[in-house]
């Protein structure tokens, strides 16, 4: 097959060994692969793949099933998308069959490839880790990111309220997806505006880190939950533990890629059961900033580095 391989610091679309599916794996002909900041971190040596995973970049794909275990329920020709521990930037990918998700008929491969990583991340952290309930209020930092755009829609779908922060040029896009209020993260008074609108927050999904920590402890109400999924502004914070004690706060850090397969399967099953019908009905929609030809992968990565995107960048296979 052909795949994106790093040579001399550059990414090349070139020959690579075909993946060898295990007895419980499906083989997928990849039509499109999502691009994530985790790919940039892996490339920089800060986020190695789990033991046994492919060294090829790429955590999510969509395409056509070529083969699958006989008892899996999947057949050659089925369309599927999936979260991977690695190996997505390639013509072929081996995927645990129980991680496959059916592509809604209304979506093409580019749209479907934008779904697995961001929606499973949002669902894991908002619904399973934070236990967000209908009627509660959730603040999502990085609302225009891939995870952010997924989170806004999931929160709205379960009947909770959602506020976001993002750069000024992306505020309107967050509002269009359902964020109210949608706030400019560079506005020094953004936290004050949110407090005026809501009073307090039940759940915060934070991919920013140091720059938003003080506001989080101020905004969270009694029993509030703060989930960190990235630290784009830095990882060191100063915490007044007495505030956490007085408000009975829950503070969690969370990653997805390194979790055991059985946990990922449980996550996949819960997400498909609860929110896949909303995707099929069009109440939750893919948010794709741009589909880039796989041979132009360097440009795709630069789009993420420039922080100029709303939603996902996706690689389109030949």
Protein backbone atom coordinates (compact mmCIF):
# COMPACT_ATOMS: atom_id res chain seq x y z
CA UNK A 1 0.00 0.00 0.00
CA UNK A 2 0.92 3.66 0.05
CA UNK A 3 1.02 5.65 3.27
CA UNK A 4 2.40 8.83 4.77
CA UNK A 5 5.88 8.02 6.06
CA UNK A 6 8.23 10.45 7.80
CA UNK A 7 11.67 10.59 6.26
CA UNK A 8 14.29 13.16 7.20
CA UNK A 9 11.72 15.20 9.06
CA UNK A 10 9.39 15.43 6.05
CA UNK A 11 6.17 13.52 5.40
CA UNK A 12 6.01 11.57 2.13
CA UNK A 13 3.21 9.63 0.39
CA UNK A 14 5.16 6.49 -0.48
CA UNK A 15 5.20 2.70 -0.34
CA UNK A 16 4.73 1.04 3.04
CA UNK A 17 4.00 -2.51 4.23
CA UNK A 18 0.36 -3.56 4.20
CA UNK A 19 -1.18 -3.88 7.68
CA UNK A 20 -1.72 -7.45 8.86
CA UNK A 21 -5.14 -7.81 10.50
CA UNK A 22 -5.37 -9.88 13.64
CA UNK A 23 -8.08 -12.52 14.13
CA UNK A 24 -10.52 -9.94 15.56
CA UNK A 25 -9.63 -7.16 13.12
CA UNK A 26 -11.28 -5.80 10.01
CA UNK A 27 -9.31 -4.52 7.05
CA UNK A 28 -10.53 -1.17 5.75
CA UNK A 29 -9.76 0.55 2.47
CA UNK A 30 -9.33 4.12 3.69
CA UNK A 31 -11.22 6.82 1.83
CA UNK A 32 -10.35 9.65 4.23
CA UNK A 33 -8.44 10.16 7.47
CA UNK A 34 -8.91 12.80 10.14
CA UNK A 35 -6.05 15.10 11.17
CA UNK A 36 -5.59 15.83 14.88
CA UNK A 37 -3.24 17.81 17.11
CA UNK A 38 -2.17 14.45 18.51
CA UNK A 39 -0.60 13.79 15.10
CA UNK A 40 1.48 16.95 15.43
CA UNK A 41 2.52 15.94 18.95
CA UNK A 42 3.50 12.44 17.79
CA UNK A 43 5.53 13.91 14.98
CA UNK A 44 7.31 16.17 17.48
CA UNK A 45 8.14 13.15 19.67
CA UNK A 46 5.77 14.13 22.50
CA UNK A 47 2.98 11.57 21.96
CA UNK A 48 4.25 8.13 20.95
CA UNK A 49 1.75 5.49 19.82
CA UNK A 50 0.79 2.79 22.33
CA UNK A 51 2.79 -0.44 22.31
CA UNK A 52 1.94 -2.54 19.27
CA UNK A 53 0.21 0.28 17.36
CA UNK A 54 1.27 1.41 13.91
CA UNK A 55 3.93 4.12 13.78
CA UNK A 56 2.04 5.70 10.86
CA UNK A 57 0.16 8.85 11.88
CA UNK A 58 -3.62 8.98 11.96
CA UNK A 59 -6.19 8.25 14.66
CA UNK A 60 -9.41 8.01 12.66
CA UNK A 61 -10.52 6.82 9.24
CA UNK A 62 -13.56 6.20 7.10
CA UNK A 63 -13.84 3.89 4.14
CA UNK A 64 -14.89 0.47 2.88
CA UNK A 65 -14.60 -2.80 4.77
CA UNK A 66 -12.54 -5.29 2.74
CA UNK A 67 -12.61 -8.16 5.23
CA UNK A 68 -13.84 -8.80 8.76
CA UNK A 69 -14.23 -11.70 11.22
CA UNK A 70 -17.19 -13.89 10.19
CA UNK A 71 -19.08 -13.30 13.46
CA UNK A 72 -18.49 -9.53 13.56
CA UNK A 73 -21.61 -8.49 11.67
CA UNK A 74 -19.48 -6.64 9.12
CA UNK A 75 -19.24 -7.68 5.48
CA UNK A 76 -17.00 -6.66 2.55
CA UNK A 77 -18.39 -3.53 0.96
CA UNK A 78 -19.85 -2.08 4.19
CA UNK A 79 -19.00 1.56 4.86
CA UNK A 80 -17.48 2.24 8.26
CA UNK A 81 -15.51 4.75 10.28
CA UNK A 82 -13.35 4.06 13.31
CA UNK A 83 -11.02 5.37 15.96
CA UNK A 84 -7.49 3.95 15.68
CA UNK A 85 -4.41 3.96 17.93
CA UNK A 86 -2.42 4.80 14.76
CA UNK A 87 -2.08 3.97 11.08
CA UNK A 88 -4.78 6.17 9.56
CA UNK A 89 -2.71 8.08 6.99
CA UNK A 90 -2.66 5.12 4.62
CA UNK A 91 -4.58 3.33 1.89
CA UNK A 92 -5.32 0.38 4.21
CA UNK A 93 -5.93 0.16 7.95
CA UNK A 94 -6.39 -2.79 10.30
CA UNK A 95 -9.12 -1.98 12.84
CA UNK A 96 -10.55 -4.02 15.72
CA UNK A 97 -13.92 -4.95 14.25
CA UNK A 98 -15.76 -3.92 17.42
CA UNK A 99 -14.46 -0.36 17.00
CA UNK A 100 -16.11 0.08 13.60
CA UNK A 101 -19.10 2.42 13.39
CA UNK A 102 -21.55 2.44 10.47
CA UNK A 103 -21.36 5.52 8.24
CA UNK A 104 -24.76 7.21 7.95
CA UNK A 105 -25.95 7.07 4.33
CA UNK A 106 -26.11 10.86 4.14
CA UNK A 107 -22.37 11.28 4.85
CA UNK A 108 -19.38 10.86 2.53
CA UNK A 109 -16.00 9.49 3.66
CA UNK A 110 -14.55 12.94 4.39
CA UNK A 111 -17.43 13.81 6.69
CA UNK A 112 -17.39 10.38 8.34
CA UNK A 113 -13.62 10.52 8.95
CA UNK A 114 -14.11 13.75 10.91
CA UNK A 115 -16.29 12.03 13.51
CA UNK A 116 -14.60 9.27 15.57
CA UNK A 117 -11.82 11.01 17.50
CA UNK A 118 -13.60 14.24 18.35
CA UNK A 119 -17.01 12.77 19.11
CA UNK A 120 -15.68 9.89 21.19
CA UNK A 121 -13.42 12.33 23.07
CA UNK A 122 -16.31 14.72 23.76
CA UNK A 123 -18.66 11.91 24.80
CA UNK A 124 -16.06 10.26 27.03
CA UNK A 125 -15.29 13.42 28.94
CA UNK A 126 -18.63 15.20 29.06
CA UNK A 127 -21.02 12.29 29.48
CA UNK A 128 -19.00 9.46 31.05
CA UNK A 129 -16.30 11.27 33.03
CA UNK A 130 -18.18 14.46 34.00
CA UNK A 131 -21.65 12.90 34.08
CA UNK A 132 -23.25 15.90 32.39
CA UNK A 133 -27.02 15.81 32.83
CA UNK A 134 -29.94 17.48 31.03
CA UNK A 135 -30.48 21.02 32.28
CA UNK A 136 -26.90 21.44 33.53
CA UNK A 137 -24.53 24.13 32.24
CA UNK A 138 -21.27 23.23 30.49
CA UNK A 139 -18.43 25.51 29.40
CA UNK A 140 -16.28 24.31 26.50
CA UNK A 141 -12.97 26.04 25.90
CA UNK A 142 -11.70 25.84 22.32
CA UNK A 143 -15.28 25.76 21.08
CA UNK A 144 -14.29 26.04 17.41
CA UNK A 145 -11.89 23.08 17.54
CA UNK A 146 -12.84 19.63 16.35
CA UNK A 147 -13.60 18.46 19.88
CA UNK A 148 -15.27 21.78 20.65
CA UNK A 149 -17.67 21.65 17.71
CA UNK A 150 -18.54 18.05 18.61
CA UNK A 151 -19.02 18.96 22.27
CA UNK A 152 -21.37 21.87 21.52
CA UNK A 153 -23.65 19.61 19.53
CA UNK A 154 -23.58 16.74 22.02
CA UNK A 155 -24.39 19.03 24.93
CA UNK A 156 -27.29 20.55 23.02
CA UNK A 157 -28.54 17.10 22.00
CA UNK A 158 -28.74 15.78 25.58
CA UNK A 159 -30.67 18.85 26.72
CA UNK A 160 -27.93 20.70 28.60
CA UNK A 161 -26.79 24.31 28.14
CA UNK A 162 -23.45 25.13 26.49
CA UNK A 163 -21.17 28.15 26.53
CA UNK A 164 -17.88 28.39 24.65
CA UNK A 165 -14.73 30.42 24.40
CA UNK A 166 -12.90 30.79 21.09
CA UNK A 167 -10.97 33.39 19.13
CA UNK A 168 -13.02 36.39 18.01
CA UNK A 169 -13.29 35.28 14.39
CA UNK A 170 -14.86 31.97 15.39
CA UNK A 171 -17.43 33.12 17.95
CA UNK A 172 -20.25 33.27 15.40
CA UNK A 173 -19.56 29.72 14.24
CA UNK A 174 -19.82 28.44 17.81
CA UNK A 175 -23.07 30.33 18.28
CA UNK A 176 -24.47 28.86 15.06
CA UNK A 177 -23.86 25.36 16.44
CA UNK A 178 -25.75 26.16 19.62
CA UNK A 179 -23.36 27.84 22.06
CA UNK A 180 -25.10 30.55 24.10
CA UNK A 181 -23.19 32.51 25.19
CA UNK A 182 -20.31 32.18 22.72
CA UNK A 183 -17.45 34.25 24.11
CA UNK A 184 -14.23 35.77 22.75
CA UNK A 185 -11.40 34.19 24.73
CA UNK A 186 -9.29 37.36 24.31
CA UNK A 187 -11.93 39.52 25.97
CA UNK A 188 -10.57 40.17 29.50
CA UNK A 189 -14.15 40.16 30.78
CA UNK A 190 -15.27 36.84 29.23
CA UNK A 191 -15.56 35.07 32.60
CA UNK A 192 -17.44 38.01 34.08
CA UNK A 193 -19.84 37.94 31.13
CA UNK A 194 -20.45 34.24 31.65
CA UNK A 195 -21.06 34.73 35.35
CA UNK A 196 -23.54 37.52 34.58
CA UNK A 197 -25.37 35.20 32.16
CA UNK A 198 -25.31 31.98 34.15
CA UNK A 199 -24.13 32.57 37.69
CA UNK A 200 -22.11 29.36 37.82
CA UNK A 201 -21.07 26.37 35.70
CA UNK A 202 -21.57 22.66 36.35
CA UNK A 203 -18.98 21.20 33.94
CA UNK A 204 -15.92 22.64 32.18
CA UNK A 205 -14.20 20.85 29.29
CA UNK A 206 -10.76 22.45 29.13
CA UNK A 207 -8.12 21.98 26.46
CA UNK A 208 -6.38 25.29 27.24
CA UNK A 209 -4.81 24.61 30.64
CA UNK A 210 -2.94 27.27 32.58
CA UNK A 211 -4.62 30.36 31.13
CA UNK A 212 -8.14 29.27 32.12
CA UNK A 213 -7.49 27.59 35.47
CA UNK A 214 -8.21 30.58 37.73
CA UNK A 215 -11.49 31.33 35.97
CA UNK A 216 -12.49 27.66 36.23
CA UNK A 217 -12.22 27.58 40.01
CA UNK A 218 -14.18 30.82 40.23
CA UNK A 219 -16.95 29.81 37.80
CA UNK A 220 -17.60 26.25 38.94
CA UNK A 221 -20.50 25.87 41.32
CA UNK A 222 -20.95 23.38 44.13
CA UNK A 223 -20.35 19.87 42.82
CA UNK A 224 -18.74 21.23 39.65
CA UNK A 225 -16.56 19.04 37.46
CA UNK A 226 -13.45 20.18 35.58
CA UNK A 227 -12.01 17.88 32.89
CA UNK A 228 -8.62 18.68 31.34
CA UNK A 229 -7.98 17.10 27.93
CA UNK A 230 -5.04 19.25 26.76
CA UNK A 231 -2.75 22.03 28.00
CA UNK A 232 -2.26 24.30 25.00
CA UNK A 233 -1.38 27.33 27.16
CA UNK A 234 0.77 25.44 29.66
CA UNK A 235 0.46 22.68 32.25
CA UNK A 236 1.49 24.37 35.50
CA UNK A 237 -1.23 25.95 37.63
CA UNK A 238 -1.60 27.16 41.21
CA UNK A 239 -4.64 25.75 43.00
CA UNK A 240 -6.32 26.90 46.19
CA UNK A 241 -7.33 23.52 47.52
CA UNK A 242 -9.75 25.16 49.94
CA UNK A 243 -11.89 26.31 47.01
CA UNK A 244 -12.04 22.75 45.68
CA UNK A 245 -12.97 21.51 49.15
CA UNK A 246 -15.61 24.16 49.79
CA UNK A 247 -17.29 23.65 46.41
CA UNK A 248 -16.76 19.87 46.44
CA UNK A 249 -15.18 20.03 43.00
CA UNK A 250 -14.09 17.06 40.91
CA UNK A 251 -10.87 17.64 38.94
CA UNK A 252 -9.87 15.10 36.28
CA UNK A 253 -7.24 14.73 33.62
CA UNK A 254 -8.17 12.55 30.67
CA UNK A 255 -6.64 11.01 27.56
CA UNK A 256 -8.13 8.52 25.13
CA UNK A 257 -5.44 7.03 22.91
CA UNK A 258 -3.62 4.96 25.53
CA UNK A 259 -6.75 3.44 27.09
CA UNK A 260 -7.11 -0.34 26.82
CA UNK A 261 -9.09 -1.65 23.87
CA UNK A 262 -11.89 -2.97 26.08
CA UNK A 263 -12.46 0.55 27.46
CA UNK A 264 -12.55 1.98 23.96
CA UNK A 265 -15.07 -0.64 22.86
CA UNK A 266 -17.28 0.20 25.85
CA UNK A 267 -17.00 3.88 24.94
CA UNK A 268 -17.80 3.20 21.29
CA UNK A 269 -20.85 1.12 22.21
CA UNK A 270 -22.20 3.74 24.63
CA UNK A 271 -21.72 6.57 22.13
CA UNK A 272 -23.37 4.68 19.26
CA UNK A 273 -26.33 3.73 21.45
CA UNK A 274 -26.90 7.22 22.80
CA UNK A 275 -25.91 9.70 20.09
CA UNK A 276 -25.47 7.87 16.76
CA UNK A 277 -29.21 8.27 16.02
CA UNK A 278 -28.71 12.06 16.19
CA UNK A 279 -25.94 11.79 13.58
CA UNK A 280 -28.10 9.65 11.34
CA UNK A 281 -30.99 12.11 11.65
CA UNK A 282 -28.79 15.15 11.00
CA UNK A 283 -29.28 16.78 14.41
CA UNK A 284 -25.52 16.40 14.93
CA UNK A 285 -23.48 17.24 11.85
CA UNK A 286 -19.80 16.86 10.90
CA UNK A 287 -17.89 20.15 10.93
CA UNK A 288 -15.13 19.95 8.32
CA UNK A 289 -12.91 22.97 7.78
CA UNK A 290 -11.19 21.55 4.70
CA UNK A 291 -10.50 18.28 2.93
CA UNK A 292 -6.87 18.16 1.81
CA UNK A 293 -5.33 15.67 -0.61
CA UNK A 294 -3.18 13.24 1.37
CA UNK A 295 -0.08 14.16 -0.64
CA UNK A 296 -0.49 17.70 0.76
CA UNK A 297 -0.35 16.51 4.36
CA UNK A 298 2.21 19.18 5.29
CA UNK A 299 -0.34 21.86 4.42
CA UNK A 300 -2.96 20.07 6.49
CA UNK A 301 -0.64 20.10 9.50
CA UNK A 302 0.14 23.77 8.95
CA UNK A 303 -3.56 24.61 9.09
CA UNK A 304 -3.70 23.14 12.60
CA UNK A 305 -0.48 24.84 13.69
CA UNK A 306 -1.85 28.19 12.53
CA UNK A 307 -4.99 27.68 14.65
CA UNK A 308 -7.00 28.93 11.69
CA UNK A 309 -9.57 26.14 11.53
CA UNK A 310 -13.16 25.61 12.62
CA UNK A 311 -13.86 21.90 13.05
CA UNK A 312 -11.74 19.24 11.41
CA UNK A 313 -9.11 19.03 8.69
CA UNK A 314 -9.40 15.74 6.83
CA UNK A 315 -7.02 13.99 4.43
CA UNK A 316 -8.65 12.70 1.26
CA UNK A 317 -7.11 9.55 -0.22
CA UNK A 318 -6.49 9.26 -3.99
